[in-house]
């Protein structure tokens, strides 16, 4: 909100045209302004990650300094490992992305999206921005105009960084209406598999 208030004039004003809110195509969203705003927020991203990393490290140092003996530290570590399947598999406690450290963005796309090359990262970034922006438009249309599509979904587990939203204003939010799921199909989509 601080960035929005501070940069309101620079982004061109409001991001939604309330006079066109009833339009079904989502043209009430000023995507060029949204892109400017999100990219401005993205300029703070690395600073935020570094601050979080320093805070986490500080808390960890404090936590470890509160234990007086090596034996207590050893028992704590063993108890945590014994209670955690993720720790046993070696996944817990390993931050492979290391947000805030140089190269964090490349590591993020490598770990979360399986991209190995700079071309792969760029095409994945564009696809994530496309689908994420479609999701934003879907939500806005849903709340202001009704369901724009019964079949649309976000196909990824992760989103792009705010600093990666270059090209957002070129996204066209065209949705196929489709039809709602039947009650049984809805349940199958949300119920966990039986064990």
Protein backbone atom coordinates (compact mmCIF):
# COMPACT_ATOMS: atom_id res chain seq x y z
CA UNK A 1 0.00 0.00 0.00
CA UNK A 2 2.90 2.34 0.69
CA UNK A 3 4.21 1.88 -2.85
CA UNK A 4 0.72 2.35 -4.31
CA UNK A 5 0.11 5.58 -2.40
CA UNK A 6 3.60 6.91 -3.12
CA UNK A 7 3.57 6.05 -6.84
CA UNK A 8 -0.14 6.62 -7.60
CA UNK A 9 0.48 9.49 -10.04
CA UNK A 10 3.47 7.78 -11.67
CA UNK A 11 1.47 4.67 -12.52
CA UNK A 12 -1.27 6.81 -14.06
CA UNK A 13 -4.00 6.56 -11.45
CA UNK A 14 -6.40 3.79 -10.50
CA UNK A 15 -5.81 0.27 -11.77
CA UNK A 16 -9.52 -0.48 -12.23
CA UNK A 17 -12.06 1.61 -14.16
CA UNK A 18 -15.19 1.31 -12.01
CA UNK A 19 -17.38 2.80 -14.77
CA UNK A 20 -16.67 -0.26 -16.94
CA UNK A 21 -16.97 -2.79 -14.13
CA UNK A 22 -20.02 -4.52 -15.62
CA UNK A 23 -18.22 -5.43 -18.84
CA UNK A 24 -17.74 -9.16 -19.16
CA UNK A 25 -14.37 -9.05 -20.95
CA UNK A 26 -12.34 -7.67 -18.05
CA UNK A 27 -11.46 -4.47 -19.93
CA UNK A 28 -12.10 -2.56 -16.70
CA UNK A 29 -8.62 -3.58 -15.51
CA UNK A 30 -5.88 -1.16 -16.59
CA UNK A 31 -3.13 -3.72 -17.16
CA UNK A 32 -0.45 -1.15 -18.08
CA UNK A 33 -0.97 0.49 -14.70
CA UNK A 34 -1.02 -2.88 -12.94
CA UNK A 35 2.27 -3.79 -14.63
CA UNK A 36 3.91 -0.51 -13.57
CA UNK A 37 2.72 -1.01 -10.00
CA UNK A 38 3.85 -4.63 -9.68
CA UNK A 39 7.25 -3.84 -11.20
CA UNK A 40 7.65 -1.00 -8.68
CA UNK A 41 6.85 -3.46 -5.88
CA UNK A 42 9.40 -5.81 -7.46
CA UNK A 43 12.16 -3.25 -6.94
CA UNK A 44 11.85 -3.93 -3.19
CA UNK A 45 11.92 -7.73 -3.58
CA UNK A 46 15.62 -8.39 -3.08
CA UNK A 47 15.80 -6.01 -0.10
CA UNK A 48 12.86 -7.83 1.52
CA UNK A 49 14.46 -11.24 0.96
CA UNK A 50 17.76 -10.06 2.45
CA UNK A 51 15.97 -8.62 5.47
CA UNK A 52 14.05 -11.88 6.01
CA UNK A 53 17.25 -13.89 5.69
CA UNK A 54 19.03 -11.71 8.26
CA UNK A 55 16.06 -11.96 10.63
CA UNK A 56 15.93 -15.75 10.28
CA UNK A 57 19.67 -16.05 10.87
CA UNK A 58 19.41 -13.81 13.93
CA UNK A 59 16.59 -15.90 15.40
CA UNK A 60 18.51 -19.10 14.72
CA UNK A 61 21.64 -17.73 16.44
CA UNK A 62 19.50 -16.66 19.43
CA UNK A 63 17.82 -20.06 19.59
CA UNK A 64 21.11 -21.91 19.52
CA UNK A 65 22.65 -19.60 22.11
CA UNK A 66 19.82 -20.32 24.58
CA UNK A 67 20.85 -23.97 24.85
CA UNK A 68 23.67 -24.26 27.38
CA UNK A 69 25.25 -27.56 26.54
CA UNK A 70 26.28 -29.43 23.45
CA UNK A 71 24.34 -32.43 24.72
CA UNK A 72 21.06 -30.46 24.72
CA UNK A 73 21.71 -29.21 21.19
CA UNK A 74 22.46 -32.76 20.06
CA UNK A 75 19.26 -34.15 21.66
CA UNK A 76 17.16 -31.37 20.14
CA UNK A 77 18.54 -32.10 16.69
CA UNK A 78 17.92 -35.85 17.11
CA UNK A 79 14.33 -35.27 18.29
CA UNK A 80 13.54 -33.03 15.35
CA UNK A 81 15.00 -35.55 12.91
CA UNK A 82 13.13 -38.46 14.51
CA UNK A 83 9.78 -36.69 14.24
CA UNK A 84 10.12 -35.49 10.68
CA UNK A 85 9.88 -37.67 7.59
CA UNK A 86 11.08 -34.76 5.47
CA UNK A 87 14.21 -34.44 7.58
CA UNK A 88 14.91 -38.17 7.20
CA UNK A 89 14.64 -37.84 3.43
CA UNK A 90 17.08 -34.95 3.54
CA UNK A 91 14.62 -32.35 2.21
CA UNK A 92 13.87 -30.39 5.37
CA UNK A 93 16.24 -27.66 6.36
CA UNK A 94 17.87 -27.40 2.95
CA UNK A 95 17.00 -24.11 1.32
CA UNK A 96 18.12 -24.67 -2.25
CA UNK A 97 16.75 -21.36 -3.54
CA UNK A 98 18.31 -19.18 -0.80
CA UNK A 99 16.27 -16.05 -1.47
CA UNK A 100 18.38 -12.95 -0.97
CA UNK A 101 21.68 -14.57 -1.96
CA UNK A 102 23.09 -13.72 -5.41
CA UNK A 103 21.53 -15.91 -8.11
CA UNK A 104 18.30 -16.55 -6.13
CA UNK A 105 16.01 -15.98 -9.09
CA UNK A 106 17.80 -18.49 -11.33
CA UNK A 107 17.86 -21.05 -8.52
CA UNK A 108 14.13 -20.50 -7.93
CA UNK A 109 13.24 -21.29 -11.53
CA UNK A 110 15.64 -24.23 -11.59
CA UNK A 111 14.24 -25.77 -8.38
CA UNK A 112 10.55 -24.91 -8.71
CA UNK A 113 10.06 -25.05 -12.48
CA UNK A 114 12.86 -27.42 -13.61
CA UNK A 115 14.51 -24.84 -15.90
CA UNK A 116 18.18 -25.33 -16.66
CA UNK A 117 18.95 -22.74 -19.34
CA UNK A 118 18.46 -19.00 -19.53
CA UNK A 119 16.09 -19.54 -22.50
CA UNK A 120 14.09 -22.03 -20.42
CA UNK A 121 13.91 -19.60 -17.52
CA UNK A 122 12.74 -16.78 -19.80
CA UNK A 123 10.05 -18.86 -21.53
CA UNK A 124 8.85 -20.20 -18.17
CA UNK A 125 8.80 -16.69 -16.72
CA UNK A 126 6.66 -15.49 -19.63
CA UNK A 127 4.28 -18.44 -19.26
CA UNK A 128 3.99 -17.92 -15.49
CA UNK A 129 3.27 -14.22 -15.98
CA UNK A 130 0.67 -15.05 -18.66
CA UNK A 131 -1.17 -17.61 -16.52
CA UNK A 132 -0.84 -15.67 -13.26
CA UNK A 133 -2.24 -12.52 -14.90
CA UNK A 134 -5.09 -14.57 -16.36
CA UNK A 135 -5.75 -15.74 -12.80
CA UNK A 136 -5.87 -12.16 -11.53
CA UNK A 137 -8.30 -11.26 -14.31
CA UNK A 138 -10.39 -14.37 -13.63
CA UNK A 139 -10.73 -13.44 -9.94
CA UNK A 140 -11.63 -9.81 -10.69
CA UNK A 141 -14.21 -10.82 -13.28
CA UNK A 142 -15.61 -13.45 -10.94
CA UNK A 143 -16.23 -10.93 -8.17
CA UNK A 144 -17.43 -8.05 -10.35
CA UNK A 145 -19.19 -9.74 -13.29
CA UNK A 146 -19.73 -13.43 -12.47
CA UNK A 147 -17.88 -16.59 -13.43
CA UNK A 148 -15.85 -15.90 -16.60
CA UNK A 149 -14.97 -19.58 -17.11
CA UNK A 150 -15.83 -22.83 -15.41
CA UNK A 151 -12.84 -24.61 -16.88
CA UNK A 152 -9.93 -22.20 -16.34
CA UNK A 153 -7.28 -23.11 -13.73
CA UNK A 154 -3.76 -22.02 -12.83
CA UNK A 155 -1.53 -24.84 -14.11
CA UNK A 156 1.49 -24.25 -11.84
CA UNK A 157 2.36 -24.77 -8.18
CA UNK A 158 4.39 -21.55 -7.98
CA UNK A 159 4.04 -17.97 -9.19
CA UNK A 160 6.44 -15.47 -10.71
CA UNK A 161 8.29 -12.86 -8.69
CA UNK A 162 6.90 -9.32 -8.71
CA UNK A 163 10.04 -8.19 -10.54
CA UNK A 164 9.27 -10.71 -13.33
CA UNK A 165 5.94 -9.25 -14.41
CA UNK A 166 7.39 -7.57 -17.52
CA UNK A 167 4.86 -8.00 -20.31
CA UNK A 168 1.83 -8.30 -18.05
CA UNK A 169 0.01 -5.54 -19.97
CA UNK A 170 0.05 -7.65 -23.16
CA UNK A 171 -1.97 -10.47 -21.59
CA UNK A 172 -5.45 -10.95 -23.00
CA UNK A 173 -7.91 -12.41 -20.53
CA UNK A 174 -10.05 -14.45 -22.90
CA UNK A 175 -11.88 -17.27 -21.18
CA UNK A 176 -14.05 -20.09 -22.49
CA UNK A 177 -17.25 -20.13 -20.49
CA UNK A 178 -17.70 -23.92 -20.25
CA UNK A 179 -20.18 -25.37 -17.79
CA UNK A 180 -20.07 -26.04 -14.05
CA UNK A 181 -18.94 -29.37 -12.68
CA UNK A 182 -21.57 -31.77 -11.46
CA UNK A 183 -21.65 -32.23 -7.64
CA UNK A 184 -19.89 -35.63 -7.79
CA UNK A 185 -17.10 -34.20 -9.98
CA UNK A 186 -16.70 -31.29 -7.55
CA UNK A 187 -16.22 -33.74 -4.67
CA UNK A 188 -13.71 -35.77 -6.64
CA UNK A 189 -11.69 -32.59 -7.17
CA UNK A 190 -11.41 -31.73 -3.48
CA UNK A 191 -11.50 -35.02 -1.58
CA UNK A 192 -8.12 -36.62 -0.82
CA UNK A 193 -7.42 -40.06 -2.30
CA UNK A 194 -8.27 -43.00 -0.04
CA UNK A 195 -5.30 -44.74 1.54
